Amino acid sequence: MLDIVEIGSIISDFVRVGYNAAVKDYDPPQDKLRQSEVKKWLKFRKIEFKTFQELEKQGLIHARKGAAANSPLFYSKAEIQKAFATMRLNRLMTTNELNDYERRKDDK
């Protein structure tokens, strides 16, 4: 059975997904994250880079190249957030417990 903290965590994850989807729709350049900025952004969001790499390997997160010849690879923040939220919900449904293993623990 889910407790209120777990339900709040799921809602919070999907609120972020909705917010990032709106940003992507209304201001597409703000959704783009250069490959060189990914680790910093994940650290800010307290998400493990290893988990990001695993989700990318599974095809849930994709790098894209811009239209210009020398464009860097970039990722969609909305796609990354959706992949993490979906993974956490899937984990909850299969194990019946919410595990923050994919989130980076703060140094204390």
N, C-alpha and C. Protein backbone atom coordinates (compact mmCIF):
# COMPACT_ATOMS: atom_id res chain seq x y z
N MET A 1 0.83 -1.17 0.00
CA MET A 1 0.00 0.00 0.00
C MET A 1 0.89 1.25 0.00
N LEU A 2 0.50 2.23 -0.77
CA LEU A 2 1.26 3.48 -0.86
C LEU A 2 0.96 4.39 0.31
N ASP A 3 2.01 5.02 0.82
CA ASP A 3 1.76 6.02 1.85
C ASP A 3 1.75 7.41 1.19
N ILE A 4 1.44 8.41 1.97
CA ILE A 4 1.27 9.77 1.45
C ILE A 4 2.57 10.33 0.87
N VAL A 5 3.70 9.97 1.43
CA VAL A 5 5.00 10.44 0.92
C VAL A 5 5.27 9.87 -0.47
N GLU A 6 4.98 8.59 -0.66
CA GLU A 6 5.17 7.96 -1.97
C GLU A 6 4.25 8.58 -3.02
N ILE A 7 3.01 8.79 -2.66
CA ILE A 7 2.05 9.41 -3.58
C ILE A 7 2.52 10.82 -3.94
N GLY A 8 2.97 11.58 -2.94
CA GLY A 8 3.48 12.92 -3.18
C GLY A 8 4.68 12.92 -4.09
N SER A 9 5.56 11.94 -3.94
CA SER A 9 6.75 11.84 -4.79
C SER A 9 6.37 11.55 -6.25
N ILE A 10 5.41 10.67 -6.44
CA ILE A 10 4.94 10.35 -7.80
C ILE A 10 4.30 11.59 -8.44
N ILE A 11 3.46 12.25 -7.70
CA ILE A 11 2.81 13.47 -8.21
C ILE A 11 3.85 14.51 -8.56
N SER A 12 4.83 14.70 -7.69
CA SER A 12 5.90 15.67 -7.93
C SER A 12 6.67 15.35 -9.21
N ASP A 13 7.00 14.07 -9.41
CA ASP A 13 7.71 13.66 -10.62
C ASP A 13 6.92 14.03 -11.88
N PHE A 14 5.63 13.73 -11.87
CA PHE A 14 4.84 13.96 -13.08
C PHE A 14 4.44 15.43 -13.25
N VAL A 15 4.44 16.21 -12.19
CA VAL A 15 4.28 17.65 -12.33
C VAL A 15 5.49 18.21 -13.08
N ARG A 16 6.68 17.73 -12.74
CA ARG A 16 7.90 18.14 -13.46
C ARG A 16 7.82 17.74 -14.93
N VAL A 17 7.31 16.54 -15.19
CA VAL A 17 7.15 16.09 -16.58
C VAL A 17 6.23 17.06 -17.32
N GLY A 18 5.11 17.41 -16.72
CA GLY A 18 4.16 18.34 -17.35
C GLY A 18 4.77 19.71 -17.57
N TYR A 19 5.49 20.20 -16.59
CA TYR A 19 6.15 21.50 -16.72
C TYR A 19 7.15 21.49 -17.87
N ASN A 20 7.99 20.45 -17.91
CA ASN A 20 8.98 20.37 -18.99
C ASN A 20 8.33 20.20 -20.36
N ALA A 21 7.22 19.50 -20.43
CA ALA A 21 6.50 19.36 -21.70
C ALA A 21 5.96 20.71 -22.15
N ALA A 22 5.47 21.51 -21.21
CA ALA A 22 4.97 22.86 -21.55
C ALA A 22 6.10 23.75 -22.03
N VAL A 23 7.25 23.68 -21.36
CA VAL A 23 8.41 24.47 -21.80
C VAL A 23 8.80 24.06 -23.21
N LYS A 24 8.82 22.76 -23.46
CA LYS A 24 9.18 22.25 -24.80
C LYS A 24 8.21 22.77 -25.85
N ASP A 25 6.91 22.82 -25.53
CA ASP A 25 5.91 23.30 -26.47
C ASP A 25 5.99 24.80 -26.72
N TYR A 26 6.18 25.58 -25.65
CA TYR A 26 6.10 27.03 -25.77
C TYR A 26 7.44 27.73 -25.98
N ASP A 27 8.52 27.09 -25.61
CA ASP A 27 9.85 27.69 -25.78
C ASP A 27 10.86 26.59 -26.06
N PRO A 28 10.79 25.98 -27.24
CA PRO A 28 11.63 24.82 -27.56
C PRO A 28 13.12 24.97 -27.26
N PRO A 29 13.74 26.13 -27.49
CA PRO A 29 15.17 26.23 -27.17
C PRO A 29 15.49 26.00 -25.69
N GLN A 30 14.54 26.30 -24.79
CA GLN A 30 14.76 26.10 -23.36
C GLN A 30 14.75 24.62 -22.97
N ASP A 31 14.20 23.79 -23.84
CA ASP A 31 14.15 22.35 -23.57
C ASP A 31 15.46 21.66 -23.91
N LYS A 32 16.26 22.27 -24.75
CA LYS A 32 17.49 21.64 -25.23
C LYS A 32 18.60 21.72 -24.20
N LEU A 33 19.28 20.61 -24.06
CA LEU A 33 20.39 20.50 -23.13
C LEU A 33 21.57 19.91 -23.90
N ARG A 34 22.64 20.69 -24.03
CA ARG A 34 23.82 20.20 -24.76
C ARG A 34 24.40 19.00 -24.03
N GLN A 35 25.01 18.11 -24.82
CA GLN A 35 25.62 16.92 -24.24
C GLN A 35 26.64 17.31 -23.17
N SER A 36 27.37 18.38 -23.39
CA SER A 36 28.39 18.82 -22.43
C SER A 36 27.77 19.35 -21.12
N GLU A 37 26.48 19.67 -21.11
CA GLU A 37 25.81 20.21 -19.93
C GLU A 37 25.02 19.17 -19.15
N VAL A 38 24.92 17.96 -19.68
CA VAL A 38 24.06 16.93 -19.09
C VAL A 38 24.47 16.61 -17.65
N LYS A 39 25.74 16.32 -17.41
CA LYS A 39 26.18 15.93 -16.06
C LYS A 39 25.87 17.03 -15.05
N LYS A 40 26.12 18.27 -15.42
CA LYS A 40 25.88 19.39 -14.51
C LYS A 40 24.38 19.50 -14.20
N TRP A 41 23.54 19.39 -15.22
CA TRP A 41 22.09 19.48 -15.04
C TRP A 41 21.58 18.33 -14.16
N LEU A 42 22.08 17.12 -14.41
CA LEU A 42 21.67 15.97 -13.60
C LEU A 42 22.10 16.14 -12.15
N LYS A 43 23.30 16.67 -11.94
CA LYS A 43 23.78 16.90 -10.58
C LYS A 43 22.88 17.91 -9.87
N PHE A 44 22.51 18.97 -10.58
CA PHE A 44 21.61 19.98 -10.02
C PHE A 44 20.26 19.35 -9.64
N ARG A 45 19.79 18.43 -10.47
CA ARG A 45 18.50 17.76 -10.23
C ARG A 45 18.63 16.59 -9.27
N LYS A 46 19.88 16.32 -8.82
CA LYS A 46 20.17 15.22 -7.90
C LYS A 46 19.82 13.86 -8.49
N ILE A 47 20.23 13.67 -9.72
CA ILE A 47 19.99 12.43 -10.45
C ILE A 47 21.34 11.83 -10.83
N GLU A 48 21.48 10.53 -10.65
CA GLU A 48 22.72 9.83 -10.96
C GLU A 48 22.95 9.75 -12.48
N PHE A 49 24.16 10.06 -12.89
CA PHE A 49 24.52 9.99 -14.32
C PHE A 49 24.46 8.54 -14.81
N LYS A 50 24.82 7.61 -13.94
CA LYS A 50 24.79 6.18 -14.30
C LYS A 50 23.38 5.76 -14.70
N THR A 51 22.38 6.22 -13.98
CA THR A 51 21.00 5.89 -14.30
C THR A 51 20.59 6.52 -15.63
N PHE A 52 21.05 7.77 -15.86
CA PHE A 52 20.80 8.44 -17.14
C PHE A 52 21.35 7.59 -18.28
N GLN A 53 22.59 7.11 -18.13
CA GLN A 53 23.22 6.30 -19.17
C GLN A 53 22.44 5.01 -19.42
N GLU A 54 21.94 4.40 -18.34
CA GLU A 54 21.15 3.18 -18.47
C GLU A 54 19.86 3.44 -19.25
N LEU A 55 19.19 4.53 -18.95
CA LEU A 55 17.95 4.87 -19.66
C LEU A 55 18.23 5.20 -21.12
N GLU A 56 19.35 5.81 -21.39
CA GLU A 56 19.73 6.10 -22.78
C GLU A 56 20.01 4.80 -23.52
N LYS A 57 20.70 3.88 -22.87
CA LYS A 57 21.01 2.58 -23.47
C LYS A 57 19.73 1.81 -23.80
N GLN A 58 18.71 1.97 -22.96
CA GLN A 58 17.43 1.29 -23.17
C GLN A 58 16.58 1.98 -24.24
N GLY A 59 17.05 3.12 -24.75
CA GLY A 59 16.32 3.83 -25.79
C GLY A 59 15.23 4.76 -25.29
N LEU A 60 15.23 5.07 -23.99
CA LEU A 60 14.22 5.96 -23.44
C LEU A 60 14.64 7.43 -23.51
N ILE A 61 15.93 7.66 -23.71
CA ILE A 61 16.48 9.01 -23.86
C ILE A 61 17.34 9.00 -25.12
N HIS A 62 17.16 10.02 -25.96
CA HIS A 62 17.89 10.07 -27.24
C HIS A 62 18.67 11.37 -27.39
N ALA A 63 19.89 11.25 -27.89
CA ALA A 63 20.67 12.43 -28.27
C ALA A 63 20.26 12.82 -29.68
N ARG A 64 20.16 14.12 -29.93
CA ARG A 64 19.80 14.62 -31.25
C ARG A 64 20.86 15.60 -31.71
N LYS A 65 20.99 15.74 -33.00
CA LYS A 65 21.95 16.67 -33.57
C LYS A 65 21.17 17.81 -34.21
N GLY A 66 21.68 19.03 -34.05
CA GLY A 66 21.04 20.20 -34.65
C GLY A 66 21.16 20.19 -36.15
N ALA A 67 20.52 21.15 -36.79
CA ALA A 67 20.47 21.20 -38.25
C ALA A 67 21.79 21.68 -38.88
N ALA A 68 22.56 22.50 -38.17
CA ALA A 68 23.81 23.03 -38.72
C ALA A 68 24.87 21.92 -38.78
N ALA A 69 25.85 22.13 -39.65
CA ALA A 69 26.89 21.13 -39.88
C ALA A 69 27.67 20.77 -38.62
N ASN A 70 28.04 21.75 -37.83
CA ASN A 70 28.84 21.50 -36.63
C ASN A 70 28.02 21.57 -35.34
N SER A 71 26.76 21.29 -35.42
CA SER A 71 25.89 21.36 -34.24
C SER A 71 26.28 20.30 -33.22
N PRO A 72 26.26 20.68 -31.94
CA PRO A 72 26.54 19.68 -30.90
C PRO A 72 25.34 18.75 -30.70
N LEU A 73 25.58 17.62 -30.07
CA LEU A 73 24.47 16.75 -29.68
C LEU A 73 23.74 17.41 -28.53
N PHE A 74 22.44 17.23 -28.50
CA PHE A 74 21.65 17.77 -27.40
C PHE A 74 20.57 16.78 -27.00
N TYR A 75 20.06 16.97 -25.79
CA TYR A 75 19.00 16.13 -25.24
C TYR A 75 17.82 17.01 -24.89
N SER A 76 16.66 16.40 -24.77
CA SER A 76 15.45 17.08 -24.35
C SER A 76 15.28 16.91 -22.84
N LYS A 77 15.19 18.03 -22.11
CA LYS A 77 14.96 17.96 -20.67
C LYS A 77 13.64 17.25 -20.38
N ALA A 78 12.63 17.53 -21.20
CA ALA A 78 11.32 16.89 -21.01
C ALA A 78 11.42 15.38 -21.18
N GLU A 79 12.19 14.94 -22.16
CA GLU A 79 12.35 13.50 -22.39
C GLU A 79 13.09 12.84 -21.23
N ILE A 80 14.13 13.51 -20.73
CA ILE A 80 14.89 12.97 -19.59
C ILE A 80 13.98 12.86 -18.37
N GLN A 81 13.25 13.93 -18.07
CA GLN A 81 12.37 13.93 -16.89
C GLN A 81 11.30 12.85 -17.01
N LYS A 82 10.73 12.71 -18.21
CA LYS A 82 9.69 11.70 -18.42
C LYS A 82 10.26 10.29 -18.23
N ALA A 83 11.47 10.05 -18.73
CA ALA A 83 12.09 8.73 -18.59
C ALA A 83 12.32 8.39 -17.12
N PHE A 84 12.82 9.36 -16.34
CA PHE A 84 13.05 9.12 -14.92
C PHE A 84 11.75 8.90 -14.16
N ALA A 85 10.74 9.71 -14.42
CA ALA A 85 9.46 9.57 -13.72
C ALA A 85 8.81 8.23 -14.06
N THR A 86 8.87 7.84 -15.32
CA THR A 86 8.28 6.57 -15.74
C THR A 86 9.02 5.40 -15.11
N MET A 87 10.35 5.50 -15.05
CA MET A 87 11.15 4.44 -14.45
C MET A 87 10.78 4.29 -12.97
N ARG A 88 10.65 5.41 -12.26
CA ARG A 88 10.31 5.36 -10.83
C ARG A 88 8.92 4.76 -10.62
N LEU A 89 7.96 5.15 -11.46
CA LEU A 89 6.61 4.61 -11.32
C LEU A 89 6.60 3.12 -11.65
N ASN A 90 7.32 2.73 -12.67
CA ASN A 90 7.42 1.32 -13.03
C ASN A 90 8.03 0.51 -11.89
N ARG A 91 9.07 1.07 -11.28
CA ARG A 91 9.71 0.40 -10.13
C ARG A 91 8.69 0.23 -9.00
N LEU A 92 7.90 1.25 -8.76
CA LEU A 92 6.89 1.18 -7.71
C LEU A 92 5.86 0.09 -8.01
N MET A 93 5.44 0.03 -9.26
CA MET A 93 4.42 -0.95 -9.63
C MET A 93 4.95 -2.37 -9.55
N THR A 94 6.23 -2.58 -9.85
CA THR A 94 6.76 -3.95 -9.83
C THR A 94 7.24 -4.39 -8.46
N THR A 95 7.70 -3.45 -7.63
CA THR A 95 8.23 -3.83 -6.32
C THR A 95 7.33 -3.39 -5.17
N ASN A 96 6.34 -2.56 -5.50
CA ASN A 96 5.42 -1.99 -4.51
C ASN A 96 6.16 -1.14 -3.46
N GLU A 97 7.30 -0.59 -3.86
CA GLU A 97 7.96 0.37 -2.99
C GLU A 97 8.68 1.39 -3.85
N LEU A 98 8.68 2.60 -3.40
CA LEU A 98 9.32 3.69 -4.13
C LEU A 98 10.76 3.77 -3.67
N ASN A 99 11.66 3.64 -4.61
CA ASN A 99 13.08 3.62 -4.27
C ASN A 99 13.75 4.81 -4.94
N ASP A 100 14.48 5.59 -4.17
CA ASP A 100 15.18 6.75 -4.71
C ASP A 100 16.58 6.40 -5.20
N TYR A 101 16.81 5.13 -5.60
CA TYR A 101 18.15 4.74 -5.99
C TYR A 101 18.68 5.56 -7.16
N GLU A 102 17.80 6.07 -8.01
CA GLU A 102 18.25 6.81 -9.18
C GLU A 102 18.59 8.26 -8.86
N ARG A 103 18.28 8.71 -7.66
CA ARG A 103 18.59 10.07 -7.26
C ARG A 103 19.90 10.10 -6.51
N ARG A 104 20.70 11.09 -6.80
CA ARG A 104 22.00 11.27 -6.16
C ARG A 104 21.76 11.70 -4.71
N LYS A 105 22.46 11.08 -3.81
CA LYS A 105 22.33 11.43 -2.41
C LYS A 105 23.21 12.64 -2.11
N ASP A 106 22.67 13.61 -1.35
CA ASP A 106 23.45 14.79 -0.96
C ASP A 106 24.57 14.38 -0.03
N ASP A 107 25.71 15.04 -0.19
CA ASP A 107 26.82 14.81 0.74
C ASP A 107 26.47 15.46 2.06
N LYS A 108 26.67 14.77 3.13
CA LYS A 108 26.33 15.30 4.45
C LYS A 108 27.57 15.53 5.26
